[in-house]
Amino acid sequence: MTIELFKGNLLDISKEADLSTALSAKEILTKRRNDESLDGENLRNTWMWTGDFSMYRVENGKVLLYLAPTAQNLVFQNIEDAYCQFTKNRDYNPTKEGIAKIMDSAKSGETFVCDLSKLNLKEHNDEWVYFSIDDAKKGKQRELRNRVYDDEDVNLLKGKGTKFFVLNPKYVLQNVKDNESAVGRVSFLDGWLDGCNFVARGRDAGDDGGRLVGVRRSERVAESDERVFARDNFSEAYKTIISNPDKVTSEMVSGLSNLIASYLTRQAK
């Protein structure tokens, strides 16, 4: 599959890009380290939406951040509803089913979850707080930082004041009404010259200056069609052989025998 650079607000981008293929911040940073360009644009020079999804909940009086990968991104999976909520209310409130899905993925380790009180956060304003990746040397700060930045990234960005932004716990407490609700936000990565901050509290889904790296929808559809075609052809070939035993040659028998032997060997392991 060929990755491309898509430009515009998230809703417009979703009409061209398959959002399930959006690169995570960690994947984008790898390309930035290699000084890569797409469509004539250097990936270091602009901010980008990432596949990472951030969800905030209040559980037993604690404000928790769930940082999920692209495969669990509820905003991207429900882009029209999420876009509407962001433009009207600033927050995205996932369904109970969506919240349960994220919590299940945290149990499996796919999604990272942490108590915001463990991050030694500094206040930016009533909505945002942050920690410096230079200071994230141990504990939950380091664990969360490592979900985005490799040690090589940290070394390259040393002294640039790079920050990891999350929602202010006070904001979450004011906007999450009960134990069955949550606030969801999109994430983005600032450009290199702006400090390459990771922002797990994005809400400006309508910003036309956004960028996203992923695979074009038409290419994903074509690939899916090819897989279905290949599967159907395989099934038809099997049916043809079973239905016409008198037309089976010694060469076919030898090939099928090898297939059976290989299958039995795999099953025995």
Protein backbone atom coordinates (compact mmCIF):
# COMPACT_ATOMS: atom_id res chain seq x y z
CA MET A 1 0.00 0.00 0.00
CA THR A 2 1.18 3.50 -0.79
CA ILE A 3 0.97 6.13 1.92
CA GLU A 4 0.12 9.69 0.99
CA LEU A 5 -0.10 13.09 2.67
CA PHE A 6 -3.68 14.37 2.91
CA LYS A 7 -4.52 18.00 3.67
CA GLY A 8 -7.56 19.70 5.19
CA ASN A 9 -9.97 19.26 8.05
CA LEU A 10 -10.63 15.76 9.34
CA LEU A 11 -14.03 15.35 7.70
CA ASP A 12 -12.73 16.33 4.26
CA ILE A 13 -9.66 14.15 4.69
CA SER A 14 -11.87 11.18 5.60
CA LYS A 15 -13.49 11.34 2.15
CA GLU A 16 -10.11 10.67 0.52
CA ALA A 17 -8.11 8.76 3.13
CA ASP A 18 -8.87 5.52 4.91
CA LEU A 19 -8.57 6.78 8.48
CA SER A 20 -7.89 3.26 9.78
CA THR A 21 -4.47 3.53 8.08
CA ALA A 22 -3.49 6.87 9.68
CA LEU A 23 0.06 6.80 11.00
CA SER A 24 0.56 7.11 14.74
CA ALA A 25 2.75 9.82 16.23
CA LYS A 26 5.52 7.27 16.77
CA GLU A 27 5.38 6.23 13.10
CA ILE A 28 5.45 9.86 11.95
CA LEU A 29 8.43 10.57 14.18
CA THR A 30 10.30 7.67 12.59
CA LYS A 31 9.77 9.26 9.18
CA ARG A 32 10.82 12.64 10.54
CA ARG A 33 14.05 11.18 11.89
CA ASN A 34 14.75 9.95 8.37
CA ASP A 35 13.92 13.44 7.05
CA GLU A 36 11.28 12.00 4.70
CA SER A 37 8.97 13.96 2.40
CA LEU A 38 5.60 13.09 0.89
CA ASP A 39 4.03 14.82 -2.10
CA GLY A 40 6.88 17.33 -2.06
CA GLU A 41 6.31 18.32 1.57
CA ASN A 42 8.84 17.58 4.30
CA LEU A 43 7.10 15.81 7.17
CA ARG A 44 9.08 17.80 9.72
CA ASN A 45 7.68 21.14 8.66
CA THR A 46 4.01 20.97 9.61
CA TRP A 47 1.67 19.72 12.30
CA MET A 48 -0.20 16.48 11.64
CA TRP A 49 -3.20 14.58 12.88
CA THR A 50 -2.07 11.23 14.26
CA GLY A 51 -3.89 7.92 14.59
CA ASP A 52 -3.66 8.04 18.40
CA PHE A 53 -6.96 8.50 20.25
CA SER A 54 -7.21 9.97 23.74
CA MET A 55 -10.14 9.29 26.06
CA TYR A 56 -10.60 10.73 29.54
CA ARG A 57 -12.72 9.22 32.31
CA VAL A 58 -13.34 9.65 36.01
CA GLU A 59 -13.09 6.37 37.90
CA ASN A 60 -13.26 6.17 41.69
CA GLY A 61 -12.51 9.87 41.90
CA LYS A 62 -9.39 9.57 39.71
CA VAL A 63 -9.03 11.22 36.30
CA LEU A 64 -7.67 8.67 33.85
CA LEU A 65 -6.23 9.03 30.37
CA TYR A 66 -6.67 6.18 27.90
CA LEU A 67 -4.27 6.59 24.98
CA ALA A 68 -5.38 4.20 22.23
CA PRO A 69 -3.79 3.22 18.89
CA THR A 70 -5.25 3.88 15.45
CA ALA A 71 -7.13 0.57 15.47
CA GLN A 72 -9.13 1.78 18.48
CA ASN A 73 -9.64 5.40 17.39
CA LEU A 74 -13.32 6.07 18.07
CA VAL A 75 -13.21 9.50 16.42
CA PHE A 76 -11.91 8.05 13.16
CA GLN A 77 -14.41 5.18 13.31
CA ASN A 78 -17.32 7.60 13.80
CA ILE A 79 -15.93 10.62 11.99
CA GLU A 80 -19.19 12.32 10.95
CA ASP A 81 -20.71 12.18 14.44
CA ALA A 82 -17.40 13.11 16.09
CA TYR A 83 -16.83 16.02 13.70
CA CYS A 84 -20.32 17.35 14.44
CA GLN A 85 -19.75 17.07 18.20
CA PHE A 86 -16.36 18.79 18.01
CA THR A 87 -17.65 21.71 15.97
CA LYS A 88 -20.69 22.19 18.22
CA ASN A 89 -19.51 21.19 21.70
CA ARG A 90 -15.68 21.08 21.51
CA ASP A 91 -15.68 17.58 22.99
CA TYR A 92 -16.47 14.16 21.60
CA ASN A 93 -18.54 11.98 23.92
CA PRO A 94 -18.20 8.32 22.90
CA THR A 95 -21.06 5.86 23.24
CA LYS A 96 -21.13 3.39 26.12
CA GLU A 97 -20.18 0.66 23.64
CA GLY A 98 -17.22 2.70 22.43
CA ILE A 99 -16.05 3.38 25.98
CA ALA A 100 -16.27 -0.33 26.81
CA LYS A 101 -14.21 -1.14 23.72
CA ILE A 102 -11.41 1.21 24.80
CA MET A 103 -11.45 -0.13 28.36
CA ASP A 104 -11.24 -3.71 27.06
CA SER A 105 -8.26 -2.78 24.89
CA ALA A 106 -6.58 -1.32 27.99
CA LYS A 107 -6.98 -4.65 29.78
CA SER A 108 -5.17 -6.37 26.92
CA GLY A 109 -2.37 -3.79 26.98
CA GLU A 110 -3.16 -2.41 23.52
CA THR A 111 -4.28 0.90 25.03
CA PHE A 112 -2.21 2.71 27.66
CA VAL A 113 -4.05 3.98 30.72
CA CYS A 114 -2.75 6.18 33.51
CA ASP A 115 -3.90 8.35 36.40
CA LEU A 116 -3.19 11.98 35.47
CA SER A 117 -2.23 12.74 39.07
CA LYS A 118 0.85 10.55 38.57
CA LEU A 119 2.27 12.72 35.76
CA ASN A 120 3.46 15.79 37.69
CA LEU A 121 1.66 18.04 35.23
CA LYS A 122 2.11 21.78 34.78
CA GLU A 123 -0.88 23.97 34.02
CA HIS A 124 -1.06 25.74 30.67
CA ASN A 125 -4.63 26.96 31.11
CA ASP A 126 -7.96 25.72 32.50
CA GLU A 127 -8.24 23.17 29.69
CA TRP A 128 -4.68 21.97 29.03
CA VAL A 129 -1.77 20.74 31.12
CA TYR A 130 1.56 19.23 30.12
CA PHE A 131 4.89 17.72 31.09
CA SER A 132 8.24 18.19 29.38
CA ILE A 133 9.62 15.09 27.67
CA ASP A 134 13.10 16.11 28.85
CA ASP A 135 11.90 15.67 32.44
CA ALA A 136 10.09 12.37 31.87
CA LYS A 137 12.82 10.10 33.20
CA LYS A 138 10.85 7.62 35.31
CA GLY A 139 7.46 6.30 36.33
CA LYS A 140 4.24 6.96 34.45
CA GLN A 141 5.66 10.07 32.78
CA ARG A 142 8.33 8.00 31.06
CA GLU A 143 5.90 5.19 30.20
CA LEU A 144 3.51 7.66 28.57
CA ARG A 145 6.31 9.52 26.80
CA ASN A 146 7.59 6.23 25.37
CA ARG A 147 4.20 5.59 23.74
CA VAL A 148 5.07 8.48 21.40
CA TYR A 149 8.78 9.32 21.54
CA ASP A 150 11.67 6.86 21.19
CA ASP A 151 14.91 7.59 23.07
CA GLU A 152 16.38 8.73 19.74
CA ASP A 153 13.58 11.29 19.39
CA VAL A 154 14.22 12.54 22.92
CA ASN A 155 17.91 13.01 22.15
CA LEU A 156 17.18 14.85 18.89
CA LEU A 157 14.66 17.13 20.61
CA LYS A 158 16.70 17.75 23.75
CA GLY A 159 16.57 21.39 24.79
CA LYS A 160 13.70 22.30 22.43
CA GLY A 161 11.18 22.38 25.28
CA THR A 162 9.06 19.63 23.73
CA LYS A 163 5.84 19.07 25.66
CA PHE A 164 3.30 16.28 26.02
CA PHE A 165 -0.14 17.93 26.35
CA VAL A 166 -3.21 16.33 27.93
CA LEU A 167 -6.51 17.65 29.25
CA ASN A 168 -6.52 19.44 32.58
CA PRO A 169 -7.98 17.09 35.23
CA LYS A 170 -10.19 19.97 36.43
CA TYR A 171 -11.66 20.24 32.93
CA VAL A 172 -12.35 16.49 32.85
CA LEU A 173 -14.05 16.58 36.24
CA GLN A 174 -16.29 19.40 35.02
CA ASN A 175 -17.24 17.71 31.75
CA VAL A 176 -17.48 14.01 32.55
CA LYS A 177 -20.81 13.76 34.30
CA ASP A 178 -20.84 10.16 35.55
CA ASN A 179 -18.99 6.84 35.61
CA GLU A 180 -20.55 5.78 32.31
CA SER A 181 -19.37 8.73 30.22
CA ALA A 182 -16.08 10.04 28.85
CA VAL A 183 -14.48 12.87 26.89
CA GLY A 184 -12.67 11.93 23.70
CA ARG A 185 -10.14 14.02 21.80
CA VAL A 186 -8.07 13.65 18.64
CA SER A 187 -4.28 13.88 18.77
CA PHE A 188 -1.74 15.73 16.71
CA LEU A 189 1.99 16.27 16.49
CA ASP A 190 3.44 19.75 16.08
CA GLY A 191 6.04 20.51 13.44
CA TRP A 192 9.74 20.21 14.24
CA LEU A 193 10.29 23.99 14.45
CA ASP A 194 7.36 24.32 16.87
CA GLY A 195 8.92 21.85 19.29
CA CYS A 196 7.34 18.65 17.97
CA ASN A 197 4.88 18.67 20.89
CA PHE A 198 2.44 15.77 21.15
CA VAL A 199 -1.08 16.98 21.85
CA ALA A 200 -3.55 14.44 23.27
CA ARG A 201 -6.29 17.02 23.70
CA GLY A 202 -7.06 18.14 20.13
CA ARG A 203 -10.57 19.39 19.31
CA ASP A 204 -10.11 21.59 16.22
CA ALA A 205 -11.25 18.89 13.81
CA GLY A 206 -12.43 21.61 11.43
CA ASP A 207 -8.98 23.16 10.97
CA ASP A 208 -8.32 23.20 7.21
CA GLY A 209 -4.57 23.44 7.83
CA GLY A 210 -4.34 19.86 9.08
CA ARG A 211 -2.30 17.04 7.59
CA LEU A 212 -2.68 13.27 7.89
CA VAL A 213 -0.49 10.45 6.55
CA GLY A 214 -2.31 7.30 5.45
CA VAL A 215 -3.57 5.23 2.52
CA ARG A 216 -6.11 6.44 -0.04
CA ARG A 217 -9.57 4.92 0.37
CA SER A 218 -9.75 3.74 -3.25
CA GLU A 219 -6.50 1.79 -2.84
CA ARG A 220 -7.78 0.04 0.28
CA VAL A 221 -11.04 -0.86 -1.49
CA ALA A 222 -9.13 -2.24 -4.48
CA GLU A 223 -6.90 -4.31 -2.20
CA SER A 224 -9.94 -5.70 -0.39
CA ASP A 225 -11.58 -6.58 -3.70
CA GLU A 226 -8.42 -8.43 -4.79
CA ARG A 227 -8.42 -10.49 -1.59
CA VAL A 228 -12.09 -11.41 -2.06
CA PHE A 229 -11.44 -12.31 -5.72
CA ALA A 230 -8.51 -14.54 -4.78
CA ARG A 231 -10.49 -16.24 -2.00
CA ASP A 232 -13.48 -16.87 -4.28
CA ASN A 233 -11.25 -18.27 -7.03
CA PHE A 234 -9.60 -20.63 -4.55
CA SER A 235 -13.00 -21.86 -3.34
CA GLU A 236 -14.23 -22.38 -6.90
CA ALA A 237 -11.10 -24.37 -7.77
CA TYR A 238 -11.67 -26.64 -4.78
CA LYS A 239 -15.32 -27.19 -5.72
CA THR A 240 -14.34 -27.99 -9.30
CA ILE A 241 -11.85 -30.67 -8.21
CA ILE A 242 -14.27 -32.29 -5.74
CA SER A 243 -17.08 -32.31 -8.31
CA ASN A 244 -14.96 -33.83 -11.09
CA PRO A 245 -12.84 -36.64 -9.58
CA ASP A 246 -12.58 -38.40 -12.95
CA LYS A 247 -10.66 -35.43 -14.36
CA VAL A 248 -8.00 -35.38 -11.64
CA THR A 249 -4.53 -36.15 -13.00
CA SER A 250 -1.59 -37.86 -11.28
CA GLU A 251 0.16 -34.49 -11.15
CA MET A 252 -2.82 -33.00 -9.27
CA VAL A 253 -2.89 -35.95 -6.86
CA SER A 254 0.80 -35.49 -6.11
CA GLY A 255 0.32 -31.76 -5.45
CA LEU A 256 -2.72 -32.34 -3.23
CA SER A 257 -0.86 -35.03 -1.29
CA ASN A 258 1.91 -32.54 -0.56
CA LEU A 259 -0.67 -30.01 0.60
CA ILE A 260 -2.27 -32.57 2.95
CA ALA A 261 1.12 -33.58 4.37
CA SER A 262 2.03 -29.94 4.97
CA TYR A 263 -1.34 -29.29 6.66
CA LEU A 264 -1.01 -32.31 8.97
CA THR A 265 2.52 -31.25 9.94
CA ARG A 266 1.31 -27.78 10.90
CA GLN A 267 -1.60 -29.19 12.92
CA ALA A 268 0.74 -31.52 14.82
CA LYS A 269 2.86 -28.62 16.11
